[in-house]
Amino acid sequence: MIKIVVLDGYTLNPGDLSWSGLEGFGKVTVHDRTPPDRVVERAADADVVLTNKTPITDEHFSQLPRLRLVAVLATGYNIVDVEAARRRGIAVSNVPTYGTRSVAQMVFAHVLNLTQRVGDHADTVRRGRWSKSEDFCYWDSPLIELDGLAMGIVGLGRIGCATAELAAAFGMRVVAHDVAAVDPPQWVRMVDLEDLFRTSDVVSLHCPLTEDNRGLINARRLALMKPTALLINTSRGSLVDEAALAEALRSGRLAGAGLDVLSIEPPPEDHPLLGLDNCFITPHIAWATRSARARLMKTVVENVAAFLGGSPQNVVN
C-alpha cells in the first residue's frame, strides 16, 4: 500500500478543506507541523511526502529509502534540496499557479489601506471619536486618489499582469520592468528599473527571489523614489533590505509600505519594520484565501495522481 505523509498541513488546511482526495491512493497521515528533527521519524516508510515549509535535505533523503515523490504545497520549492532528490531518483513537484488573483487582490488591499487608511479611521469611529466630532467628517492623513497615478510593477508574470489589470481599472498608468522578454499589453509601458523607481507612485514587487536580486530594494533605489511613493511587497521578503526600508520610512524619505512577506517569518520581536505607523505588515496571507487554497489542494492531488500513474506533472527536478 502507498504511504503518504503530510509534514505540515495546517496552513493549507486548518480545517476548512479536506485531505480526502489523497485517500484513494493509500494510507494518509497528516501532521499539522513537523520540526526538522522529526522529519525522518514521521516520513519513515513513506512513498510520498507533502511539505509546505518543512525543509527536506539530502541527509533526510539518505534515511528515507522508500521515498519516491516530494510534493511541495506551494509554488516555491527552495525548502527541498532538489539536486539531492534528483541524484537519488526522487521527484519533486510544485504547484505553479493557484493564487494569482488572490495575491493581486492583496496588493490592492495594501494600496487602498495606505491611500485611505480605512482601518485606522474605522478604529477612531469605534472608539467614539466621530460621535464627539464637531464636524460631519475628519481624516488623519492625506486621502489619495489613484486615478492618474503611476503603478510600477517589477516582474510582469502572471501575478504582475493581474496586478496591472487592477491598476488600470483604478485609472492608473502602468509601467513595468522584467528581466525576461515579455509581450506586455499595449497599455503597459516597459521601462528600465531605475526609471520605474523614479517615476512610480506605487511600486509593487512580483519577481522570484534569486541570488541576483536579493536586496533589490536597497538604500540607493529607495533614494530614487518619490517621497510620496508607496512600496508593496507580496513576493519574497529578501527582495528588500529591511533596515534600509525602515530608515526611509522613519525619515519620511518614503511615504509608506505594505508588506505581506518578510525575510524571516515569523519575524523577531525587534524587527526594524515592526511598530512603524506608515508600514503595514500582514502575516504572509496573500495566498491564503479559501478559493486559492482549494485550487492548491486540487493540484497537489493531481500531482500525486499523475506521478503514481506514471505521467508526472509539475516536476521541478
Protein backbone atom coordinates (compact mmCIF):
# COMPACT_ATOMS: atom_id res chain seq x y z
CA MET A 1 0.00 0.00 0.00
CA ILE A 2 1.19 3.51 -0.86
CA LYS A 3 2.02 5.56 2.24
CA ILE A 4 1.56 9.35 2.05
CA VAL A 5 2.76 11.66 4.84
CA VAL A 6 1.88 15.36 5.08
CA LEU A 7 4.53 17.04 7.23
CA ASP A 8 2.95 20.46 7.78
CA GLY A 9 -0.62 20.58 6.57
CA TYR A 10 -2.12 23.16 8.91
CA THR A 11 -1.55 26.35 6.91
CA LEU A 12 -3.02 24.83 3.74
CA ASN A 13 -5.88 23.15 5.57
CA PRO A 14 -6.66 24.46 9.07
CA GLY A 15 -9.93 22.55 8.92
CA ASP A 16 -11.98 24.12 6.14
CA LEU A 17 -10.73 21.80 3.35
CA SER A 18 -10.39 18.03 3.08
CA TRP A 19 -7.48 15.66 2.52
CA SER A 20 -9.88 13.04 1.17
CA GLY A 21 -8.56 13.45 -2.38
CA LEU A 22 -5.37 11.71 -1.30
CA GLU A 23 -7.02 8.83 0.49
CA GLY A 24 -7.80 6.90 -2.67
CA PHE A 25 -4.06 6.40 -3.24
CA GLY A 26 -3.28 4.68 0.05
CA LYS A 27 -2.71 5.41 3.73
CA VAL A 28 -2.54 9.15 4.51
CA THR A 29 -1.07 10.62 7.70
CA VAL A 30 -1.38 14.36 8.25
CA HIS A 31 0.72 16.33 10.72
CA ASP A 32 -0.09 19.98 11.38
CA ARG A 33 3.60 20.82 11.86
CA THR A 34 6.87 18.89 11.91
CA PRO A 35 10.13 20.10 13.49
CA PRO A 36 13.25 19.35 11.41
CA ASP A 37 14.49 16.71 13.83
CA ARG A 38 11.32 14.64 13.39
CA VAL A 39 11.15 14.57 9.58
CA VAL A 40 12.80 11.16 9.28
CA GLU A 41 10.75 9.65 12.09
CA ARG A 42 7.46 10.81 10.59
CA ALA A 43 8.34 10.11 6.95
CA ALA A 44 9.78 6.65 7.61
CA ASP A 45 8.47 4.14 5.06
CA ALA A 46 6.66 6.93 3.15
CA ASP A 47 6.43 6.68 -0.62
CA VAL A 48 5.16 10.26 -0.96
CA VAL A 49 5.84 13.22 1.34
CA LEU A 50 3.96 16.53 1.19
CA THR A 51 5.63 19.62 2.62
CA ASN A 52 4.96 23.33 2.64
CA LYS A 53 7.70 24.97 4.72
CA THR A 54 9.34 21.98 6.43
CA PRO A 55 12.84 21.61 4.90
CA ILE A 56 13.84 18.28 3.40
CA THR A 57 17.58 17.84 2.94
CA ASP A 58 19.94 15.28 1.46
CA GLU A 59 20.52 13.95 4.97
CA HIS A 60 16.79 13.29 5.26
CA PHE A 61 16.74 11.61 1.83
CA SER A 62 19.56 9.28 2.85
CA GLN A 63 17.37 7.92 5.65
CA LEU A 64 14.16 7.58 3.64
CA PRO A 65 14.82 4.69 1.24
CA ARG A 66 11.20 4.26 0.11
CA LEU A 67 10.61 7.92 -0.75
CA ARG A 68 9.69 8.45 -4.41
CA LEU A 69 7.99 11.86 -4.52
CA VAL A 70 8.12 15.10 -2.56
CA ALA A 71 5.03 17.13 -3.41
CA VAL A 72 5.51 20.74 -2.34
CA LEU A 73 2.35 22.52 -1.17
CA ALA A 74 3.41 25.79 -2.77
CA THR A 75 4.92 27.35 -5.88
CA GLY A 76 8.34 27.95 -4.34
CA TYR A 77 10.31 24.77 -3.64
CA ASN A 78 13.57 26.07 -2.15
CA ILE A 79 12.84 24.20 1.10
CA VAL A 80 13.70 20.94 -0.71
CA ASP A 81 17.21 20.02 -1.84
CA VAL A 82 16.04 19.34 -5.39
CA GLU A 83 19.50 18.40 -6.71
CA ALA A 84 19.98 15.82 -3.99
CA ALA A 85 16.50 14.48 -4.74
CA ARG A 86 17.35 14.20 -8.44
CA ARG A 87 20.56 12.30 -7.69
CA ARG A 88 18.61 9.83 -5.60
CA GLY A 89 15.84 9.42 -8.17
CA ILE A 90 13.24 11.23 -6.09
CA ALA A 91 10.85 13.52 -7.98
CA VAL A 92 9.91 16.95 -6.60
CA SER A 93 6.70 18.62 -7.74
CA ASN A 94 5.23 22.04 -7.04
CA VAL A 95 2.04 23.97 -7.78
CA PRO A 96 2.98 26.58 -10.40
CA THR A 97 -0.12 28.71 -10.15
CA TYR A 98 -3.10 28.81 -7.84
CA GLY A 99 -3.26 32.19 -6.10
CA THR A 100 -2.77 34.72 -8.90
CA ARG A 101 -5.98 36.69 -8.31
CA SER A 102 -5.78 36.37 -4.53
CA VAL A 103 -2.28 37.84 -4.41
CA ALA A 104 -3.19 40.68 -6.79
CA GLN A 105 -6.18 41.38 -4.56
CA MET A 106 -3.86 41.64 -1.54
CA VAL A 107 -1.68 44.13 -3.41
CA PHE A 108 -4.64 46.46 -3.67
CA ALA A 109 -5.77 45.74 -0.14
CA HIS A 110 -2.45 47.26 0.92
CA VAL A 111 -2.60 50.06 -1.66
CA LEU A 112 -6.10 51.10 -0.59
CA ASN A 113 -5.21 50.84 3.09
CA LEU A 114 -2.22 53.14 2.60
CA THR A 115 -4.10 55.65 0.47
CA GLN A 116 -7.25 55.88 2.59
CA ARG A 117 -6.35 54.30 5.97
CA VAL A 118 -9.76 52.64 6.20
CA GLY A 119 -8.80 50.52 9.21
CA ASP A 120 -7.33 53.45 11.15
CA HIS A 121 -10.32 55.69 10.55
CA ALA A 122 -12.79 52.90 11.35
CA ASP A 123 -10.95 52.36 14.63
CA THR A 124 -11.38 56.03 15.61
CA VAL A 125 -15.11 55.71 14.95
CA ARG A 126 -15.24 52.53 17.03
CA ARG A 127 -13.58 54.40 19.89
CA GLY A 128 -16.24 57.12 19.76
CA ARG A 129 -14.35 59.96 18.13
CA TRP A 130 -16.87 60.59 15.35
CA SER A 131 -19.72 60.73 17.83
CA LYS A 132 -17.91 63.56 19.62
CA SER A 133 -16.76 65.38 16.47
CA GLU A 134 -17.78 69.00 15.80
CA ASP A 135 -17.71 68.27 12.06
CA PHE A 136 -19.54 65.75 9.90
CA CYS A 137 -16.22 64.24 8.78
CA TYR A 138 -12.50 64.19 9.57
CA TRP A 139 -9.36 62.48 8.37
CA ASP A 140 -5.98 61.99 9.98
CA SER A 141 -3.82 61.50 6.89
CA PRO A 142 -3.99 62.59 3.25
CA LEU A 143 -6.64 60.74 1.24
CA ILE A 144 -5.10 59.81 -2.10
CA GLU A 145 -6.93 59.16 -5.35
CA LEU A 146 -5.29 56.50 -7.52
CA ASP A 147 -6.66 57.71 -10.86
CA GLY A 148 -3.81 59.14 -12.93
CA LEU A 149 -1.02 57.89 -10.65
CA ALA A 150 1.73 55.56 -11.90
CA MET A 151 1.88 51.93 -10.79
CA GLY A 152 5.34 50.41 -11.26
CA ILE A 153 5.40 46.61 -11.42
CA VAL A 154 8.67 44.74 -11.01
CA GLY A 155 8.14 41.34 -12.60
CA LEU A 156 5.42 41.00 -15.23
CA GLY A 157 4.49 37.35 -14.77
CA ARG A 158 1.02 36.01 -14.01
CA ILE A 159 0.60 37.93 -10.75
CA GLY A 160 2.27 41.05 -12.12
CA CYS A 161 -0.13 41.06 -15.07
CA ALA A 162 -3.15 40.52 -12.81
CA THR A 163 -1.98 43.44 -10.65
CA ALA A 164 -1.52 45.58 -13.76
CA GLU A 165 -5.12 44.88 -14.77
CA LEU A 166 -6.39 46.02 -11.36
CA ALA A 167 -4.22 49.14 -11.52
CA ALA A 168 -5.64 50.00 -14.93
CA ALA A 169 -9.17 49.52 -13.60
CA PHE A 170 -8.40 52.20 -11.00
CA GLY A 171 -7.27 54.54 -13.79
CA MET A 172 -3.57 54.20 -13.00
CA ARG A 173 -0.84 54.43 -15.60
CA VAL A 174 1.13 51.17 -15.57
CA VAL A 175 4.86 50.85 -16.12
CA ALA A 176 6.75 47.60 -15.66
CA HIS A 177 10.18 46.01 -15.66
CA ASP A 178 11.02 42.36 -16.23
CA VAL A 179 14.39 40.72 -16.79
CA ALA A 180 12.79 38.23 -19.18
CA ALA A 181 11.46 39.11 -22.60
CA VAL A 182 7.73 39.68 -22.24
CA ASP A 183 4.95 40.75 -24.54
CA PRO A 184 3.05 43.23 -22.38
CA PRO A 185 -0.44 44.58 -23.01
CA GLN A 186 -0.39 47.74 -25.12
CA TRP A 187 -1.33 49.88 -22.13
CA VAL A 188 1.72 48.73 -20.10
CA ARG A 189 4.93 50.66 -20.78
CA MET A 190 8.12 48.67 -20.24
CA VAL A 191 10.92 50.74 -18.67
CA ASP A 192 14.30 50.16 -17.08
CA LEU A 193 14.44 49.59 -13.36
CA GLU A 194 15.85 53.00 -12.44
CA ASP A 195 13.17 54.80 -14.44
CA LEU A 196 10.48 52.71 -12.76
CA PHE A 197 11.66 53.69 -9.29
CA ARG A 198 11.99 57.36 -10.20
CA THR A 199 8.57 57.77 -11.82
CA SER A 200 6.20 55.42 -9.96
CA ASP A 201 3.79 56.50 -7.26
CA VAL A 202 3.33 52.87 -6.20
CA VAL A 203 5.97 50.16 -6.71
CA SER A 204 4.78 46.54 -6.42
CA LEU A 205 7.21 43.60 -6.40
CA HIS A 206 6.31 40.42 -8.29
CA CYS A 207 9.60 38.67 -9.02
CA PRO A 208 11.01 35.40 -7.71
CA LEU A 209 13.93 35.62 -5.29
CA THR A 210 17.31 34.85 -6.86
CA GLU A 211 20.88 35.50 -5.77
CA ASP A 212 20.98 38.31 -8.34
CA ASN A 213 18.01 40.25 -6.92
CA ARG A 214 18.38 39.65 -3.19
CA GLY A 215 18.23 43.13 -1.60
CA LEU A 216 16.86 44.60 -4.84
CA ILE A 217 15.18 47.34 -2.81
CA ASN A 218 18.19 48.91 -1.13
CA ALA A 219 19.09 52.38 0.13
CA ARG A 220 20.17 53.56 -3.32
CA ARG A 221 16.94 52.54 -5.03
CA LEU A 222 14.79 53.85 -2.18
CA ALA A 223 16.54 57.20 -2.63
CA LEU A 224 15.38 57.24 -6.25
CA MET A 225 11.71 57.00 -5.27
CA LYS A 226 9.38 59.93 -4.74
CA PRO A 227 8.94 60.84 -1.06
CA THR A 228 5.20 60.42 -1.65
CA ALA A 229 5.61 56.92 -3.11
CA LEU A 230 4.44 53.61 -1.66
CA LEU A 231 6.19 50.22 -1.76
CA ILE A 232 4.18 46.98 -1.84
CA ASN A 233 5.77 43.54 -1.47
CA THR A 234 3.72 40.35 -1.77
CA SER A 235 6.57 38.40 -3.35
CA ARG A 236 9.60 37.48 -1.22
CA GLY A 237 10.82 39.32 1.85
CA SER A 238 14.50 39.11 0.98
CA LEU A 239 13.97 41.26 -2.11
CA VAL A 240 14.02 44.17 0.35
CA ASP A 241 16.85 45.49 2.52
CA GLU A 242 14.55 45.85 5.51
CA ALA A 243 16.89 48.05 7.56
CA ALA A 244 17.16 50.49 4.65
CA LEU A 245 13.39 50.48 4.18
CA ALA A 246 12.83 51.13 7.89
CA GLU A 247 15.18 54.12 7.74
CA ALA A 248 13.44 55.51 4.64
CA LEU A 249 10.04 55.21 6.32
CA ARG A 250 11.22 56.69 9.62
CA SER A 251 12.90 59.65 7.94
CA GLY A 252 9.96 60.46 5.65
CA ARG A 253 12.04 59.60 2.59
CA LEU A 254 9.25 57.20 1.64
CA ALA A 255 5.56 57.71 2.42
CA GLY A 256 4.55 54.15 3.22
CA ALA A 257 4.92 50.43 2.71
CA GLY A 258 2.55 47.47 2.62
CA LEU A 259 4.24 44.11 3.12
CA ASP A 260 2.86 40.58 3.19
CA VAL A 261 6.30 38.96 3.40
CA LEU A 262 9.47 39.45 5.42
CA SER A 263 12.95 37.97 5.18
CA ILE A 264 12.39 36.00 8.40
CA GLU A 265 8.96 34.54 9.06
CA PRO A 266 7.75 34.80 11.77
CA PRO A 267 9.81 37.97 12.41
CA PRO A 268 11.76 38.60 15.61
CA GLU A 269 10.11 40.99 18.04
CA ASP A 270 12.82 43.59 17.44
CA HIS A 271 12.40 43.59 13.65
CA PRO A 272 13.09 47.16 12.41
CA LEU A 273 9.82 47.45 10.48
CA LEU A 274 7.51 46.46 13.32
CA GLY A 275 5.77 49.37 15.01
CA LEU A 276 6.24 51.96 12.24
CA ASP A 277 2.96 53.79 11.71
CA ASN A 278 3.50 54.07 7.94
CA CYS A 279 4.36 50.39 7.46
CA PHE A 280 1.56 47.83 7.41
CA ILE A 281 2.57 44.18 7.58
CA THR A 282 0.26 41.21 7.08
CA PRO A 283 1.40 37.67 8.07
CA HIS A 284 2.06 36.15 4.62
CA ILE A 285 -1.62 35.62 3.82
CA ALA A 286 -1.95 36.86 0.23
CA TRP A 287 -2.03 33.23 -0.93
CA ALA A 288 -4.45 32.03 1.72
CA THR A 289 -7.97 32.76 0.51
CA ARG A 290 -10.07 29.62 0.69
CA SER A 291 -10.52 29.64 -3.09
CA ALA A 292 -6.77 29.74 -3.68
CA ARG A 293 -6.07 27.02 -1.10
CA ALA A 294 -8.75 24.80 -2.65
CA ARG A 295 -7.07 25.18 -6.06
CA LEU A 296 -3.71 24.38 -4.48
CA MET A 297 -5.12 21.25 -2.81
CA LYS A 298 -6.69 20.11 -6.09
CA THR A 299 -3.41 20.50 -7.99
CA VAL A 300 -1.41 18.70 -5.30
CA VAL A 301 -3.80 15.73 -5.53
CA GLU A 302 -3.45 15.83 -9.32
CA ASN A 303 0.36 15.92 -9.00
CA VAL A 304 0.34 12.83 -6.79
CA ALA A 305 -2.12 11.02 -9.09
CA ALA A 306 -0.06 11.85 -12.17
CA PHE A 307 3.15 10.60 -10.54
CA LEU A 308 1.63 7.37 -9.31
CA GLY A 309 0.03 6.87 -12.73
CA GLY A 310 3.39 7.09 -14.47
CA SER A 311 2.95 10.51 -16.08
CA PRO A 312 4.48 13.00 -13.61
CA GLN A 313 3.48 16.67 -13.89
CA ASN A 314 4.84 19.90 -12.44
CA VAL A 315 8.14 18.18 -11.64
CA VAL A 316 10.88 20.75 -10.94
CA ASN A 317 13.94 18.43 -10.93
